[in-house]
Amino acid sequence: MAKQIVADRIKQLRLSAGLTQKAAAELLPTSERQWQQYEYGTRTPAYEKLIALANLFQCSTDFLCGLTDDPTRK
């Protein structure tokens, strides 16, 4: 899982949802600082958080990890 792909996808999904970093962190739930680290690529989400992110944004974990460009779940 390439850190920058995950970081870019998380940011893209958050912005598409019209959420601030703080609001997204509260929905995950995690700290705003940890969310920022995910978006900056300085921290990679653990698999539990990756699944929670996929559920939050209604996308596949494959999309978050850059294995596909199709965000829909199958």
N, C-alpha and C. Protein backbone atom coordinates (compact mmCIF):
# COMPACT_ATOMS: atom_id res chain seq x y z
N MET A 1 0.86 -1.17 0.00
CA MET A 1 0.00 0.00 0.00
C MET A 1 0.91 1.23 0.00
N ALA A 2 0.85 1.99 -1.05
CA ALA A 2 1.68 3.18 -1.17
C ALA A 2 1.10 4.30 -0.31
N LYS A 3 1.92 4.81 0.59
CA LYS A 3 1.44 5.83 1.53
C LYS A 3 0.81 7.03 0.83
N GLN A 4 1.44 7.51 -0.24
CA GLN A 4 0.94 8.72 -0.88
C GLN A 4 -0.39 8.49 -1.57
N ILE A 5 -0.59 7.31 -2.12
CA ILE A 5 -1.88 7.01 -2.74
C ILE A 5 -2.98 7.02 -1.69
N VAL A 6 -2.73 6.38 -0.57
CA VAL A 6 -3.71 6.34 0.52
C VAL A 6 -3.99 7.77 0.99
N ALA A 7 -2.94 8.53 1.20
CA ALA A 7 -3.09 9.91 1.67
C ALA A 7 -3.92 10.74 0.70
N ASP A 8 -3.60 10.63 -0.58
CA ASP A 8 -4.32 11.40 -1.60
C ASP A 8 -5.79 10.99 -1.67
N ARG A 9 -6.06 9.70 -1.58
CA ARG A 9 -7.45 9.22 -1.66
C ARG A 9 -8.26 9.68 -0.46
N ILE A 10 -7.65 9.62 0.72
CA ILE A 10 -8.36 10.06 1.93
C ILE A 10 -8.72 11.54 1.81
N LYS A 11 -7.77 12.35 1.37
CA LYS A 11 -8.04 13.78 1.22
C LYS A 11 -9.10 14.03 0.16
N GLN A 12 -8.98 13.34 -0.98
CA GLN A 12 -9.95 13.49 -2.07
C GLN A 12 -11.36 13.15 -1.59
N LEU A 13 -11.51 12.06 -0.87
CA LEU A 13 -12.82 11.63 -0.39
C LEU A 13 -13.38 12.62 0.63
N ARG A 14 -12.53 13.10 1.52
CA ARG A 14 -12.98 14.07 2.53
C ARG A 14 -13.48 15.34 1.86
N LEU A 15 -12.70 15.85 0.91
CA LEU A 15 -13.10 17.08 0.23
C LEU A 15 -14.38 16.88 -0.58
N SER A 16 -14.50 15.73 -1.23
CA SER A 16 -15.72 15.42 -2.00
C SER A 16 -16.95 15.36 -1.10
N ALA A 17 -16.74 14.95 0.14
CA ALA A 17 -17.85 14.87 1.10
C ALA A 17 -18.13 16.22 1.75
N GLY A 18 -17.28 17.22 1.47
CA GLY A 18 -17.48 18.55 2.05
C GLY A 18 -17.18 18.61 3.53
N LEU A 19 -16.23 17.80 3.98
CA LEU A 19 -15.89 17.74 5.40
C LEU A 19 -14.58 18.44 5.69
N THR A 20 -14.49 19.05 6.85
CA THR A 20 -13.21 19.54 7.33
C THR A 20 -12.45 18.36 7.92
N GLN A 21 -11.16 18.55 8.15
CA GLN A 21 -10.38 17.48 8.78
C GLN A 21 -10.95 17.16 10.16
N LYS A 22 -11.32 18.18 10.89
CA LYS A 22 -11.86 17.98 12.24
C LYS A 22 -13.16 17.18 12.19
N ALA A 23 -14.06 17.54 11.29
CA ALA A 23 -15.35 16.84 11.19
C ALA A 23 -15.14 15.39 10.76
N ALA A 24 -14.25 15.16 9.82
CA ALA A 24 -13.97 13.80 9.36
C ALA A 24 -13.37 12.97 10.49
N ALA A 25 -12.46 13.56 11.23
CA ALA A 25 -11.83 12.85 12.36
C ALA A 25 -12.87 12.45 13.40
N GLU A 26 -13.82 13.31 13.64
CA GLU A 26 -14.87 13.00 14.61
C GLU A 26 -15.76 11.86 14.12
N LEU A 27 -15.99 11.79 12.82
CA LEU A 27 -16.82 10.73 12.26
C LEU A 27 -16.11 9.38 12.25
N LEU A 28 -14.78 9.38 12.19
CA LEU A 28 -14.04 8.12 12.03
C LEU A 28 -14.18 7.17 13.20
N PRO A 29 -14.02 7.38 14.40
CA PRO A 29 -13.44 8.51 15.14
C PRO A 29 -11.92 8.35 15.33
N THR A 30 -11.26 9.48 15.30
CA THR A 30 -9.83 9.57 15.58
C THR A 30 -9.54 11.02 15.94
N SER A 31 -8.31 11.31 16.25
CA SER A 31 -7.95 12.69 16.56
C SER A 31 -7.74 13.47 15.26
N GLU A 32 -7.91 14.75 15.35
CA GLU A 32 -7.67 15.59 14.17
C GLU A 32 -6.21 15.48 13.74
N ARG A 33 -5.31 15.39 14.69
CA ARG A 33 -3.88 15.27 14.38
C ARG A 33 -3.60 13.98 13.61
N GLN A 34 -4.20 12.88 14.06
CA GLN A 34 -4.00 11.62 13.36
C GLN A 34 -4.57 11.69 11.95
N TRP A 35 -5.71 12.33 11.79
CA TRP A 35 -6.29 12.50 10.45
C TRP A 35 -5.33 13.27 9.55
N GLN A 36 -4.77 14.34 10.08
CA GLN A 36 -3.82 15.13 9.31
C GLN A 36 -2.63 14.28 8.89
N GLN A 37 -2.16 13.42 9.77
CA GLN A 37 -1.04 12.55 9.44
C GLN A 37 -1.41 11.58 8.32
N TYR A 38 -2.64 11.09 8.32
CA TYR A 38 -3.10 10.23 7.23
C TYR A 38 -3.05 10.99 5.91
N GLU A 39 -3.57 12.21 5.91
CA GLU A 39 -3.62 13.01 4.67
C GLU A 39 -2.24 13.45 4.20
N TYR A 40 -1.33 13.69 5.11
CA TYR A 40 0.01 14.13 4.74
C TYR A 40 0.91 12.95 4.37
N GLY A 41 0.44 11.73 4.65
CA GLY A 41 1.22 10.55 4.32
C GLY A 41 2.32 10.23 5.32
N THR A 42 2.27 10.87 6.49
CA THR A 42 3.27 10.58 7.51
C THR A 42 2.85 9.43 8.42
N ARG A 43 1.62 8.99 8.28
CA ARG A 43 1.11 7.86 9.03
C ARG A 43 0.15 7.09 8.13
N THR A 44 0.25 5.78 8.15
CA THR A 44 -0.65 4.93 7.36
C THR A 44 -1.69 4.34 8.30
N PRO A 45 -2.97 4.38 7.91
CA PRO A 45 -4.01 3.83 8.78
C PRO A 45 -3.82 2.32 9.00
N ALA A 46 -4.02 1.90 10.25
CA ALA A 46 -4.04 0.47 10.55
C ALA A 46 -5.25 -0.13 9.83
N TYR A 47 -5.27 -1.45 9.67
CA TYR A 47 -6.35 -2.05 8.88
C TYR A 47 -7.72 -1.79 9.46
N GLU A 48 -7.84 -1.66 10.79
CA GLU A 48 -9.14 -1.34 11.39
C GLU A 48 -9.61 0.04 10.94
N LYS A 49 -8.69 0.99 10.91
CA LYS A 49 -9.03 2.35 10.48
C LYS A 49 -9.28 2.40 8.97
N LEU A 50 -8.55 1.59 8.22
CA LEU A 50 -8.77 1.54 6.78
C LEU A 50 -10.18 1.06 6.46
N ILE A 51 -10.62 0.05 7.19
CA ILE A 51 -11.99 -0.45 7.02
C ILE A 51 -13.00 0.61 7.45
N ALA A 52 -12.71 1.29 8.55
CA ALA A 52 -13.60 2.36 9.02
C ALA A 52 -13.67 3.50 8.00
N LEU A 53 -12.55 3.83 7.37
CA LEU A 53 -12.53 4.86 6.33
C LEU A 53 -13.37 4.42 5.13
N ALA A 54 -13.24 3.17 4.73
CA ALA A 54 -14.03 2.65 3.61
C ALA A 54 -15.52 2.72 3.94
N ASN A 55 -15.88 2.38 5.16
CA ASN A 55 -17.28 2.47 5.58
C ASN A 55 -17.76 3.91 5.63
N LEU A 56 -16.93 4.79 6.14
CA LEU A 56 -17.28 6.21 6.23
C LEU A 56 -17.57 6.80 4.86
N PHE A 57 -16.72 6.49 3.90
CA PHE A 57 -16.86 7.08 2.56
C PHE A 57 -17.55 6.17 1.56
N GLN A 58 -18.05 5.03 2.04
CA GLN A 58 -18.78 4.09 1.19
C GLN A 58 -17.98 3.74 -0.07
N CYS A 59 -16.73 3.37 0.15
CA CYS A 59 -15.87 2.96 -0.96
C CYS A 59 -15.19 1.66 -0.57
N SER A 60 -14.44 1.10 -1.48
CA SER A 60 -13.73 -0.15 -1.18
C SER A 60 -12.36 0.16 -0.58
N THR A 61 -11.86 -0.79 0.19
CA THR A 61 -10.49 -0.65 0.69
C THR A 61 -9.49 -0.73 -0.47
N ASP A 62 -9.84 -1.47 -1.51
CA ASP A 62 -8.98 -1.53 -2.70
C ASP A 62 -8.79 -0.14 -3.30
N PHE A 63 -9.86 0.65 -3.32
CA PHE A 63 -9.78 2.01 -3.83
C PHE A 63 -8.86 2.85 -2.95
N LEU A 64 -9.05 2.76 -1.64
CA LEU A 64 -8.20 3.52 -0.72
C LEU A 64 -6.73 3.17 -0.87
N CYS A 65 -6.44 1.91 -1.13
CA CYS A 65 -5.05 1.45 -1.24
C CYS A 65 -4.46 1.64 -2.63
N GLY A 66 -5.27 2.09 -3.59
CA GLY A 66 -4.78 2.33 -4.93
C GLY A 66 -4.73 1.09 -5.81
N LEU A 67 -5.41 0.03 -5.40
CA LEU A 67 -5.43 -1.19 -6.21
C LEU A 67 -6.43 -1.10 -7.35
N THR A 68 -7.35 -0.15 -7.25
CA THR A 68 -8.32 0.10 -8.31
C THR A 68 -8.64 1.59 -8.32
N ASP A 69 -9.10 2.08 -9.45
CA ASP A 69 -9.54 3.47 -9.54
C ASP A 69 -11.06 3.56 -9.42
N ASP A 70 -11.70 2.42 -9.21
CA ASP A 70 -13.16 2.36 -9.06
C ASP A 70 -13.49 2.35 -7.57
N PRO A 71 -14.09 3.43 -7.05
CA PRO A 71 -14.35 3.50 -5.63
C PRO A 71 -15.54 2.64 -5.15
N THR A 72 -16.34 2.12 -6.09
CA THR A 72 -17.53 1.39 -5.68
C THR A 72 -17.19 0.03 -5.10
N ARG A 73 -18.03 -0.40 -4.18
CA ARG A 73 -17.86 -1.71 -3.57
C ARG A 73 -18.50 -2.74 -4.47
N LYS A 74 -17.93 -3.92 -4.50
CA LYS A 74 -18.48 -4.98 -5.33
C LYS A 74 -18.74 -6.21 -4.53
